[in-house]
N, C-alpha and C. Protein backbone atom coordinates (compact mmCIF):
# COMPACT_ATOMS: atom_id res chain seq x y z
N MET A 1 182.34 103.15 -154.27
CA MET A 1 181.19 103.22 -153.81
C MET A 1 181.08 103.31 -152.75
N THR A 2 181.25 104.72 -151.76
CA THR A 2 181.09 104.67 -150.59
C THR A 2 179.64 105.15 -150.59
N LEU A 3 178.91 105.11 -149.33
CA LEU A 3 177.84 105.32 -148.94
C LEU A 3 177.72 106.76 -147.60
N SER A 4 177.34 107.24 -147.51
CA SER A 4 177.07 108.36 -147.27
C SER A 4 176.75 107.82 -145.18
N LEU A 5 176.68 108.76 -144.64
CA LEU A 5 176.39 107.89 -143.08
C LEU A 5 174.85 108.48 -143.06
N SER A 6 173.76 109.27 -143.54
CA SER A 6 172.10 108.78 -143.63
C SER A 6 171.93 107.65 -144.76
N SER A 7 172.67 107.53 -145.44
CA SER A 7 172.63 106.28 -146.37
C SER A 7 172.32 105.07 -145.21
N LYS A 8 173.79 104.76 -144.80
CA LYS A 8 173.78 103.38 -143.67
C LYS A 8 172.65 103.67 -142.77
N LEU A 9 172.31 104.86 -141.93
CA LEU A 9 171.63 104.38 -140.84
C LEU A 9 170.52 104.71 -142.02
N ALA A 10 169.69 105.16 -142.86
CA ALA A 10 168.02 104.88 -143.63
C ALA A 10 168.35 103.41 -143.52
N ALA A 11 169.36 102.27 -144.51
CA ALA A 11 169.65 101.07 -144.38
C ALA A 11 169.12 100.45 -143.15
N ILE A 12 170.23 100.44 -142.42
CA ILE A 12 170.13 100.12 -140.58
C ILE A 12 168.41 99.53 -140.29
N SER A 13 167.85 101.14 -140.75
CA SER A 13 166.75 101.54 -140.26
C SER A 13 165.70 100.59 -140.73
N ALA A 14 165.56 100.32 -141.86
CA ALA A 14 165.59 99.50 -142.86
C ALA A 14 165.09 98.31 -142.66
N VAL A 15 166.33 97.74 -142.14
CA VAL A 15 166.36 96.06 -141.51
C VAL A 15 165.71 96.02 -140.09
N GLN A 16 165.82 97.19 -139.76
CA GLN A 16 165.93 97.35 -138.09
C GLN A 16 163.75 96.97 -138.36
N LEU A 17 163.23 97.83 -139.32
CA LEU A 17 162.15 98.12 -139.47
C LEU A 17 161.52 96.63 -139.76
N MET A 18 162.10 95.91 -141.18
CA MET A 18 161.55 94.45 -141.55
C MET A 18 161.86 93.58 -140.39
N CYS A 19 162.83 93.24 -139.35
CA CYS A 19 162.50 92.77 -138.39
C CYS A 19 161.58 92.67 -137.41
N MET A 20 161.09 94.19 -137.28
CA MET A 20 160.13 94.66 -136.77
C MET A 20 158.70 94.14 -136.85
N ILE A 21 158.36 94.20 -138.21
CA ILE A 21 157.51 93.57 -139.15
C ILE A 21 157.27 91.74 -138.86
N ALA A 22 158.51 91.81 -139.14
CA ALA A 22 158.80 89.97 -139.20
C ALA A 22 158.12 89.25 -137.81
N ALA A 23 158.78 90.19 -136.86
CA ALA A 23 158.24 89.58 -135.39
C ALA A 23 156.84 90.01 -134.72
N ALA A 24 156.22 90.75 -135.34
CA ALA A 24 155.10 91.38 -135.00
C ALA A 24 153.95 89.90 -135.20
N GLY A 25 154.30 89.64 -136.93
CA GLY A 25 153.67 88.56 -137.62
C GLY A 25 153.70 87.58 -136.94
N GLN A 26 154.57 87.24 -135.94
CA GLN A 26 154.84 85.90 -135.44
C GLN A 26 154.11 86.07 -134.13
N GLU A 27 152.74 84.89 -133.89
CA GLU A 27 152.52 85.04 -132.62
C GLU A 27 152.47 84.36 -131.55
N ARG A 28 152.55 84.88 -130.10
CA ARG A 28 153.44 84.60 -129.35
C ARG A 28 152.17 83.50 -128.97
N VAL A 29 152.29 82.07 -128.85
CA VAL A 29 151.00 81.43 -127.83
C VAL A 29 151.45 80.63 -126.29
N ASN A 30 150.47 81.25 -125.38
CA ASN A 30 150.21 80.64 -124.65
C ASN A 30 150.36 79.17 -124.65
N PRO A 31 151.55 78.27 -123.65
CA PRO A 31 151.31 76.71 -124.04
C PRO A 31 150.13 76.46 -123.37
N GLN A 32 149.39 76.83 -122.15
CA GLN A 32 148.65 76.43 -121.08
C GLN A 32 147.25 76.53 -122.30
N ALA A 33 146.84 77.95 -122.68
CA ALA A 33 146.21 78.20 -123.80
C ALA A 33 145.69 77.23 -124.61
N GLU A 34 146.92 76.68 -125.22
CA GLU A 34 147.36 76.09 -126.26
C GLU A 34 146.55 74.55 -125.99
N ALA A 35 147.30 74.15 -124.78
CA ALA A 35 147.25 72.66 -124.41
C ALA A 35 145.42 72.84 -124.23
N LEU A 36 145.10 73.77 -123.27
CA LEU A 36 143.44 73.80 -123.43
C LEU A 36 142.79 73.65 -124.60
N ALA A 37 143.29 74.40 -125.67
CA ALA A 37 142.26 74.44 -126.75
C ALA A 37 142.27 73.38 -127.67
N GLY A 38 143.42 72.50 -127.66
CA GLY A 38 144.04 70.70 -127.68
C GLY A 38 142.87 70.15 -126.98
N PHE A 39 142.10 69.93 -126.00
CA PHE A 39 141.95 69.32 -125.08
C PHE A 39 140.14 69.83 -125.68
N SER A 40 140.16 71.18 -125.89
CA SER A 40 138.54 71.36 -126.06
C SER A 40 138.67 70.53 -127.39
N LYS A 41 139.64 70.17 -128.40
CA LYS A 41 139.16 70.03 -129.93
C LYS A 41 139.45 68.50 -129.78
N ARG A 42 140.04 67.71 -128.89
CA ARG A 42 139.42 66.72 -128.68
C ARG A 42 138.42 66.20 -127.83
N VAL A 43 137.83 66.98 -126.88
CA VAL A 43 136.44 66.70 -125.95
C VAL A 43 135.07 66.98 -127.74
N THR A 44 135.51 67.76 -128.34
CA THR A 44 134.27 68.17 -129.60
C THR A 44 133.98 66.98 -130.15
N SER A 45 135.60 66.64 -130.59
CA SER A 45 135.86 65.19 -131.82
C SER A 45 135.31 64.26 -131.10
N TYR A 46 135.10 63.78 -129.49
CA TYR A 46 134.70 62.92 -129.33
C TYR A 46 132.94 62.90 -129.17
N LEU A 47 132.87 63.85 -128.97
CA LEU A 47 131.03 64.34 -128.48
C LEU A 47 130.93 64.00 -130.07
N SER A 48 131.49 64.34 -131.26
CA SER A 48 130.99 63.99 -132.91
C SER A 48 130.85 62.96 -132.49
N LEU A 49 132.06 61.84 -132.13
CA LEU A 49 131.81 60.65 -132.17
C LEU A 49 130.45 60.04 -131.72
N GLN A 50 130.08 60.45 -130.54
CA GLN A 50 128.96 59.81 -129.74
C GLN A 50 128.41 60.33 -130.49
N LYS A 51 127.71 61.53 -130.95
CA LYS A 51 126.71 61.75 -131.95
C LYS A 51 126.30 60.87 -133.26
N LYS A 52 127.42 60.81 -133.95
CA LYS A 52 127.46 59.65 -134.82
C LYS A 52 127.47 58.37 -134.80
N VAL A 53 127.49 57.77 -133.91
CA VAL A 53 127.47 56.59 -133.42
C VAL A 53 125.82 56.63 -132.85
N GLU A 54 125.78 57.57 -131.64
CA GLU A 54 124.44 57.45 -131.59
C GLU A 54 123.42 57.16 -132.41
N GLY A 55 123.81 58.07 -134.14
CA GLY A 55 122.85 57.81 -135.22
C GLY A 55 122.76 56.57 -135.90
N THR A 56 123.90 55.80 -135.24
CA THR A 56 122.92 54.65 -136.35
C THR A 56 122.21 53.90 -135.16
N LEU A 57 122.29 53.88 -134.39
CA LEU A 57 120.91 52.98 -133.11
C LEU A 57 119.52 52.98 -133.52
N ALA A 58 118.62 52.61 -133.72
CA ALA A 58 117.15 52.48 -134.00
C ALA A 58 116.95 53.85 -132.91
N SER A 59 116.15 54.91 -133.50
CA SER A 59 115.64 56.00 -132.17
C SER A 59 115.21 55.75 -131.38
N GLN A 60 115.86 56.44 -130.51
CA GLN A 60 114.98 56.32 -128.77
C GLN A 60 113.47 56.79 -128.69
N LYS A 61 112.92 56.22 -128.70
CA LYS A 61 111.50 56.82 -128.29
C LYS A 61 111.16 56.84 -126.96
N GLU A 62 110.63 58.33 -126.73
CA GLU A 62 110.57 58.69 -124.46
C GLU A 62 109.88 57.31 -124.04
N THR A 63 110.80 57.22 -123.16
CA THR A 63 110.39 56.41 -122.54
C THR A 63 110.09 55.62 -121.10
N ASN A 64 109.70 55.42 -120.41
CA ASN A 64 110.01 55.31 -118.98
C ASN A 64 110.14 53.55 -118.41
N ASP A 65 110.63 53.03 -119.57
CA ASP A 65 110.59 51.57 -119.18
C ASP A 65 112.54 51.39 -119.12
N PRO A 66 112.78 50.96 -117.58
CA PRO A 66 114.46 51.26 -117.62
C PRO A 66 114.85 50.15 -118.86
N GLU A 67 114.04 48.94 -119.35
CA GLU A 67 115.04 47.88 -119.68
C GLU A 67 115.23 48.62 -121.52
N LYS A 68 114.06 49.43 -121.85
CA LYS A 68 114.63 49.77 -123.14
C LYS A 68 115.87 50.85 -122.96
N ILE A 69 115.71 52.07 -121.73
CA ILE A 69 116.71 52.72 -121.09
C ILE A 69 118.15 52.20 -121.51
N LYS A 70 118.07 50.93 -120.29
CA LYS A 70 119.49 50.11 -120.23
C LYS A 70 119.50 50.13 -121.77
N GLN A 71 118.76 49.20 -122.59
CA GLN A 71 119.56 48.35 -123.51
C GLN A 71 120.37 50.13 -124.59
N HIS A 72 119.31 50.86 -124.65
CA HIS A 72 119.72 52.16 -125.51
C HIS A 72 121.26 52.70 -125.04
N ILE A 73 121.48 52.50 -124.01
CA ILE A 73 122.94 52.80 -123.43
C ILE A 73 123.80 52.28 -123.65
N THR A 74 123.67 50.67 -123.61
CA THR A 74 124.01 49.63 -123.55
C THR A 74 124.93 49.33 -125.10
N SER A 75 123.92 49.58 -126.24
CA SER A 75 123.98 49.41 -127.63
C SER A 75 125.15 51.15 -127.65
N LEU A 76 124.66 51.84 -127.05
CA LEU A 76 125.69 53.04 -127.37
C LEU A 76 127.25 53.29 -126.74
N ALA A 77 127.10 53.14 -125.72
CA ALA A 77 128.48 52.10 -125.69
C ALA A 77 129.53 51.36 -125.88
N THR A 78 128.66 50.40 -126.48
CA THR A 78 129.15 48.83 -127.90
C THR A 78 129.55 49.58 -128.89
N GLY A 79 128.89 51.24 -129.32
CA GLY A 79 129.15 51.42 -130.27
C GLY A 79 130.37 52.20 -130.07
N ILE A 80 130.63 52.68 -128.92
CA ILE A 80 131.89 54.14 -129.15
C ILE A 80 132.86 52.97 -128.90
N ARG A 81 132.88 51.65 -128.02
CA ARG A 81 133.96 51.37 -127.43
C ARG A 81 134.88 50.78 -128.98
N ALA A 82 133.59 50.67 -129.96
CA ALA A 82 134.08 49.88 -130.81
C ALA A 82 134.59 50.67 -131.97
N ALA A 83 134.46 51.99 -132.19
CA ALA A 83 135.08 52.81 -132.52
C ALA A 83 136.09 53.67 -132.18
N ARG A 84 136.72 53.68 -130.49
CA ARG A 84 137.71 53.85 -129.95
C ARG A 84 138.44 52.72 -129.74
N ALA A 85 138.21 51.85 -130.04
CA ALA A 85 139.05 50.38 -130.11
C ALA A 85 140.53 50.42 -129.49
N ASP A 86 141.03 51.62 -129.26
CA ASP A 86 142.41 52.36 -129.71
C ASP A 86 142.58 53.06 -128.38
N ALA A 87 141.33 53.06 -127.46
CA ALA A 87 141.78 54.56 -126.47
C ALA A 87 142.60 53.94 -125.50
N LYS A 88 143.37 55.03 -125.24
CA LYS A 88 143.88 54.91 -124.03
C LYS A 88 144.35 56.11 -122.98
N PRO A 89 143.94 55.89 -121.73
CA PRO A 89 144.60 56.72 -120.58
C PRO A 89 145.14 58.12 -121.60
N GLY A 90 144.78 59.46 -121.66
CA GLY A 90 145.31 60.58 -121.73
C GLY A 90 145.17 61.15 -123.28
N ASP A 91 144.57 59.96 -124.01
CA ASP A 91 144.04 60.53 -125.32
C ASP A 91 143.42 61.90 -125.43
N ILE A 92 142.18 62.08 -124.30
CA ILE A 92 141.91 63.84 -124.46
C ILE A 92 142.28 64.53 -123.43
N PHE A 93 142.87 64.02 -122.56
CA PHE A 93 143.10 65.13 -121.25
C PHE A 93 145.21 65.62 -121.79
N ASN A 94 145.74 64.66 -122.51
CA ASN A 94 146.87 64.64 -123.40
C ASN A 94 147.35 66.67 -122.58
N GLY A 95 147.87 66.79 -123.43
CA GLY A 95 148.14 68.07 -123.41
C GLY A 95 148.48 69.30 -122.37
N ALA A 96 147.19 68.97 -121.36
CA ALA A 96 146.74 70.11 -120.44
C ALA A 96 146.43 69.01 -118.93
N SER A 97 146.67 67.73 -119.47
CA SER A 97 147.27 66.80 -117.76
C SER A 97 147.71 67.76 -116.86
N GLU A 98 148.51 68.15 -117.25
CA GLU A 98 149.78 69.11 -115.94
C GLU A 98 148.69 70.11 -115.76
N GLN A 99 147.95 70.65 -116.31
CA GLN A 99 147.46 72.29 -115.57
C GLN A 99 146.37 71.55 -114.79
N PHE A 100 145.18 70.12 -115.03
CA PHE A 100 144.45 69.96 -114.31
C PHE A 100 144.91 69.33 -112.93
N ARG A 101 146.15 68.45 -113.28
CA ARG A 101 146.95 68.36 -111.56
C ARG A 101 147.19 69.29 -110.87
N HIS A 102 147.39 70.43 -111.59
CA HIS A 102 148.10 71.94 -110.83
C HIS A 102 146.78 72.49 -110.16
N ILE A 103 145.88 72.35 -110.68
CA ILE A 103 144.43 73.17 -109.97
C ILE A 103 143.93 72.18 -109.03
N ILE A 104 143.87 70.98 -109.13
CA ILE A 104 143.14 69.18 -107.93
C ILE A 104 144.56 70.28 -106.81
N LYS A 105 145.67 70.21 -107.34
CA LYS A 105 146.80 70.32 -105.97
C LYS A 105 146.43 71.31 -105.42
N GLU A 106 146.20 72.40 -106.23
CA GLU A 106 146.04 74.09 -105.12
C GLU A 106 144.69 74.09 -104.47
N ASP A 107 143.84 72.87 -105.14
CA ASP A 107 142.56 73.18 -104.26
C ASP A 107 142.95 72.41 -102.95
N ALA A 108 143.24 71.05 -103.23
CA ALA A 108 144.14 70.01 -102.25
C ALA A 108 144.62 70.69 -100.93
N HIS A 109 145.70 72.15 -101.29
CA HIS A 109 146.63 72.78 -100.84
C HIS A 109 145.75 73.73 -99.88
N ASN A 110 144.68 74.44 -100.50
CA ASN A 110 143.43 75.84 -99.67
C ASN A 110 143.07 74.93 -98.81
N ARG A 111 142.80 73.97 -99.01
CA ARG A 111 141.71 72.90 -98.08
C ARG A 111 142.20 72.72 -96.48
N SER A 112 141.10 72.67 -95.65
CA SER A 112 142.13 71.86 -94.32
C SER A 112 141.54 70.20 -94.98
N VAL A 113 142.74 69.80 -93.81
CA VAL A 113 142.29 68.06 -94.02
C VAL A 113 141.24 67.68 -94.26
N ARG A 114 140.39 68.46 -92.87
CA ARG A 114 139.09 67.90 -92.81
C ARG A 114 137.42 68.32 -93.84
N ASP A 115 138.42 69.45 -94.64
CA ASP A 115 137.70 69.41 -95.77
C ASP A 115 138.06 68.43 -97.31
N ALA A 116 139.47 68.54 -97.13
CA ALA A 116 139.72 67.56 -98.05
C ALA A 116 139.17 65.87 -98.04
N PHE A 117 139.12 65.81 -96.30
CA PHE A 117 138.88 64.19 -96.48
C PHE A 117 137.31 64.14 -96.84
N ALA A 118 136.27 65.56 -96.16
CA ALA A 118 134.93 65.66 -96.62
C ALA A 118 134.60 65.67 -97.90
N ALA A 119 135.31 66.17 -98.47
CA ALA A 119 135.05 66.25 -100.53
C ALA A 119 135.14 65.23 -101.10
N MET A 120 136.02 63.96 -100.80
CA MET A 120 136.55 62.69 -101.48
C MET A 120 135.65 61.25 -100.39
N GLN A 121 135.05 61.58 -99.67
CA GLN A 121 134.45 61.04 -98.85
C GLN A 121 133.10 59.78 -100.11
N GLU A 122 133.00 60.10 -100.77
CA GLU A 122 131.75 59.34 -101.54
C GLU A 122 132.56 59.69 -102.78
N VAL A 123 133.78 59.31 -102.98
CA VAL A 123 134.90 58.97 -104.31
C VAL A 123 134.51 57.34 -104.42
N PRO A 124 134.41 57.02 -105.41
CA PRO A 124 134.75 55.61 -105.32
C PRO A 124 135.83 55.32 -105.48
N LYS A 125 136.62 54.51 -104.42
CA LYS A 125 137.52 53.81 -104.39
C LYS A 125 138.23 52.48 -104.95
N LYS A 126 137.07 52.07 -105.14
CA LYS A 126 137.45 50.25 -105.23
C LYS A 126 137.30 50.24 -106.47
N ASN A 127 137.48 50.67 -107.46
CA ASN A 127 136.92 50.43 -108.42
C ASN A 127 138.32 51.11 -109.46
N ALA A 128 138.99 50.22 -110.54
CA ALA A 128 139.95 51.17 -111.25
C ALA A 128 139.35 51.57 -112.05
N ALA A 129 139.68 52.89 -112.13
CA ALA A 129 138.64 53.63 -113.58
C ALA A 129 139.91 53.38 -115.00
N ARG A 130 139.51 52.92 -115.97
CA ARG A 130 140.07 52.72 -117.16
C ARG A 130 139.38 53.05 -118.24
N VAL A 131 139.83 53.52 -119.53
CA VAL A 131 138.90 53.78 -120.67
C VAL A 131 138.27 52.71 -121.40
N ASN A 132 137.40 53.78 -121.49
CA ASN A 132 136.34 52.30 -122.16
C ASN A 132 135.35 51.34 -121.18
N ALA A 133 135.33 51.47 -120.07
CA ALA A 133 134.86 51.14 -119.25
C ALA A 133 133.43 51.58 -118.72
N ASP A 134 132.43 50.91 -118.31
CA ASP A 134 131.36 51.53 -118.33
C ASP A 134 131.97 52.11 -116.77
N TYR A 135 131.26 53.23 -116.16
CA TYR A 135 131.18 53.40 -114.97
C TYR A 135 130.36 52.54 -114.31
N PRO A 136 130.85 52.50 -113.31
CA PRO A 136 130.36 51.20 -112.23
C PRO A 136 128.80 51.51 -111.76
N GLU A 137 128.04 50.87 -111.80
CA GLU A 137 126.41 51.28 -111.61
C GLU A 137 126.30 51.58 -110.27
N THR A 138 127.10 50.55 -109.10
CA THR A 138 126.50 50.97 -108.09
C THR A 138 127.33 52.04 -107.25
N ALA A 139 128.40 52.25 -108.13
CA ALA A 139 129.88 53.63 -107.59
C ALA A 139 129.06 55.25 -107.27
N ALA A 140 128.59 55.59 -106.33
CA ALA A 140 128.40 56.55 -105.95
C ALA A 140 129.01 57.49 -107.62
N LEU A 141 128.22 58.92 -107.88
CA LEU A 141 128.45 59.56 -108.30
C LEU A 141 128.67 60.82 -107.99
N ALA A 142 129.71 60.71 -107.02
CA ALA A 142 130.38 61.83 -106.37
C ALA A 142 130.48 63.00 -107.14
N THR A 143 130.61 64.27 -106.75
CA THR A 143 130.72 65.34 -107.32
C THR A 143 131.67 66.39 -107.26
N VAL A 144 132.39 66.71 -108.24
CA VAL A 144 133.43 67.14 -108.30
C VAL A 144 133.70 68.58 -107.31
N PRO A 145 134.04 69.12 -107.01
CA PRO A 145 133.73 70.16 -105.66
C PRO A 145 133.89 71.62 -107.05
N PRO A 146 132.79 72.35 -106.21
CA PRO A 146 132.35 73.45 -107.36
C PRO A 146 134.02 74.19 -107.17
N LEU A 147 134.93 74.20 -106.74
CA LEU A 147 135.71 75.44 -106.74
C LEU A 147 136.78 74.96 -107.98
N ILE A 148 137.07 73.48 -107.99
CA ILE A 148 137.59 72.93 -108.26
C ILE A 148 137.23 73.07 -110.24
N LEU A 149 135.18 72.68 -110.28
CA LEU A 149 134.96 73.28 -111.30
C LEU A 149 135.28 73.87 -112.03
N ASN A 150 134.72 75.51 -111.38
CA ASN A 150 135.24 76.20 -112.04
C ASN A 150 136.18 76.85 -112.36
N ARG A 151 137.63 75.90 -112.17
CA ARG A 151 138.91 76.18 -112.86
C ARG A 151 138.96 75.41 -113.76
N LEU A 152 138.45 74.30 -113.85
CA LEU A 152 138.53 73.11 -115.50
C LEU A 152 138.37 73.87 -115.92
N GLN A 153 138.32 73.44 -117.11
CA GLN A 153 137.97 73.61 -118.92
C GLN A 153 136.12 73.11 -118.89
N ARG A 154 135.67 74.59 -119.08
CA ARG A 154 134.25 73.86 -119.09
C ARG A 154 134.12 72.94 -120.37
N LEU A 155 132.77 71.92 -119.65
CA LEU A 155 132.66 70.26 -120.58
C LEU A 155 131.13 70.54 -121.13
N PRO A 156 131.16 70.65 -122.58
CA PRO A 156 129.54 70.43 -123.23
C PRO A 156 128.97 69.29 -122.68
N ASP A 157 127.50 69.27 -123.07
CA ASP A 157 126.75 68.85 -122.31
C ASP A 157 126.19 66.96 -122.72
N GLY A 158 126.58 66.58 -121.87
CA GLY A 158 127.38 64.90 -122.37
C GLY A 158 128.68 64.29 -122.10
N LEU A 159 129.03 65.45 -120.96
CA LEU A 159 130.85 64.78 -120.36
C LEU A 159 130.46 65.52 -119.25
N GLU A 160 131.14 64.71 -118.49
CA GLU A 160 131.65 65.47 -117.04
C GLU A 160 132.59 65.10 -117.08
N TYR A 161 133.39 65.76 -115.63
CA TYR A 161 134.14 65.27 -114.81
C TYR A 161 133.92 64.50 -113.62
N ARG A 162 134.53 63.70 -113.12
CA ARG A 162 134.50 62.77 -111.81
C ARG A 162 135.35 62.33 -111.58
N PHE A 163 135.93 61.90 -109.89
CA PHE A 163 137.12 61.38 -109.23
C PHE A 163 136.57 59.95 -109.10
N MET A 164 137.40 58.91 -109.91
CA MET A 164 137.68 57.24 -108.85
C MET A 164 138.78 57.23 -108.42
N GLY A 165 138.47 57.16 -107.15
CA GLY A 165 140.21 56.92 -106.00
C GLY A 165 140.97 58.46 -106.15
N ARG A 166 142.05 57.99 -106.74
CA ARG A 166 142.70 59.08 -107.15
C ARG A 166 142.81 59.71 -108.60
N ASP A 167 141.90 59.41 -109.40
CA ASP A 167 141.76 59.51 -110.48
C ASP A 167 140.90 60.93 -110.93
N LEU A 168 141.13 61.50 -111.92
CA LEU A 168 140.56 61.90 -112.77
C LEU A 168 139.68 61.05 -113.85
N ILE A 169 138.31 61.38 -113.82
CA ILE A 169 137.87 60.66 -115.24
C ILE A 169 136.54 61.36 -116.04
N LEU A 170 136.86 61.17 -117.27
CA LEU A 170 135.45 62.21 -118.19
C LEU A 170 134.93 60.91 -118.41
N ARG A 171 133.63 61.50 -118.18
CA ARG A 171 132.43 60.38 -118.16
C ARG A 171 131.71 60.71 -119.33
N ASP A 172 131.46 59.99 -120.11
CA ASP A 172 130.21 60.16 -121.41
C ASP A 172 128.89 59.94 -120.31
N THR A 173 127.93 61.03 -120.30
CA THR A 173 126.82 60.79 -119.66
C THR A 173 125.59 59.84 -120.05
N LYS A 174 125.95 60.06 -121.33
CA LYS A 174 124.94 58.92 -122.21
C LYS A 174 125.24 58.03 -122.35
N ALA A 175 126.36 57.28 -122.67
CA ALA A 175 126.94 55.91 -122.67
C ALA A 175 127.44 55.62 -121.52
N ASN A 176 126.73 55.89 -120.37
CA ASN A 176 127.87 56.01 -118.97
C ASN A 176 129.03 55.28 -119.07
N LEU A 177 130.02 55.71 -119.70
CA LEU A 177 131.77 55.23 -120.37
C LEU A 177 132.23 56.07 -119.35
N ILE A 178 133.58 55.84 -119.20
CA ILE A 178 135.09 56.40 -119.07
C ILE A 178 135.62 56.92 -119.98
N VAL A 179 135.44 57.60 -120.56
CA VAL A 179 136.54 58.20 -122.37
C VAL A 179 137.65 58.55 -121.63
N ASP A 180 138.01 59.30 -120.14
CA ASP A 180 139.44 59.35 -120.57
C ASP A 180 139.72 59.48 -118.80
N VAL A 181 140.93 59.23 -118.77
CA VAL A 181 141.44 58.78 -117.36
C VAL A 181 142.94 60.05 -116.89
N LEU A 182 142.46 60.82 -115.98
CA LEU A 182 144.29 61.16 -115.57
C LEU A 182 144.53 60.24 -114.54
N HIS A 183 145.88 59.57 -114.21
CA HIS A 183 145.80 59.19 -113.36
C HIS A 183 146.14 59.70 -112.56
N GLU A 184 146.05 59.72 -111.04
CA GLU A 184 146.53 60.52 -109.52
C GLU A 184 146.58 61.93 -110.01
N ALA A 185 145.56 61.86 -110.28
CA ALA A 185 145.25 63.85 -110.45
C ALA A 185 145.32 63.84 -108.87
N VAL A 186 144.67 63.10 -108.12
CA VAL A 186 144.43 64.10 -106.52
C VAL A 186 145.68 63.22 -105.62
N PRO A 187 146.15 64.76 -105.19
CA PRO A 187 147.90 64.61 -104.72
C PRO A 187 147.37 63.90 -103.42
N THR A 188 148.11 62.67 -102.79
CA THR A 188 148.19 62.34 -101.76
C THR A 188 148.62 63.47 -100.29
N VAL A 189 147.86 62.33 -99.24
CA VAL A 189 148.32 63.49 -97.79
C VAL A 189 149.03 63.94 -98.10
N GLY A 190 149.86 65.54 -97.47
CA GLY A 190 151.39 65.78 -97.40
C GLY A 190 151.76 66.60 -98.31
N ARG A 191 151.64 66.06 -99.78
CA ARG A 191 152.00 66.89 -101.31
C ARG A 191 151.55 67.77 -101.02
């Protein structure tokens, strides 16, 4: 049985069409977008844990009593620490770490030495950032420069970015707790 030229072309076209359909069905995933989506998922998971732990605490009535406020913060931090006893640096930043470093490095490169120095003046340098540690009460809450914040993944209420020395941290604002650490996120001078 011999196929005619038109039958052969039809068969080839059918195979090509099936290959094109199969290729179109495969989504091309941007690895950077995938890493940021994973980061967002881990942030959401952490906030669910925070809410769950807070739900186990005695309800916090509105108060101006500093001792009651501090007691609630301490209880929340203790509960979160217990639930995340095995937490280590990078658990939340994970695959997005290099993107965060790149954004910070670009910002440092685009600033003059004077601006870069000024931006880091209030950053606490004496305390080593550790996951599950309290953010030091006496340390300044130096803000992350707005140009960097605009490029980093937006965080929901309850979490914020802060610098501690050259490290970028995620800080739980309700528990005053260091949730994750991205070590050496800020490049040294000359890099």
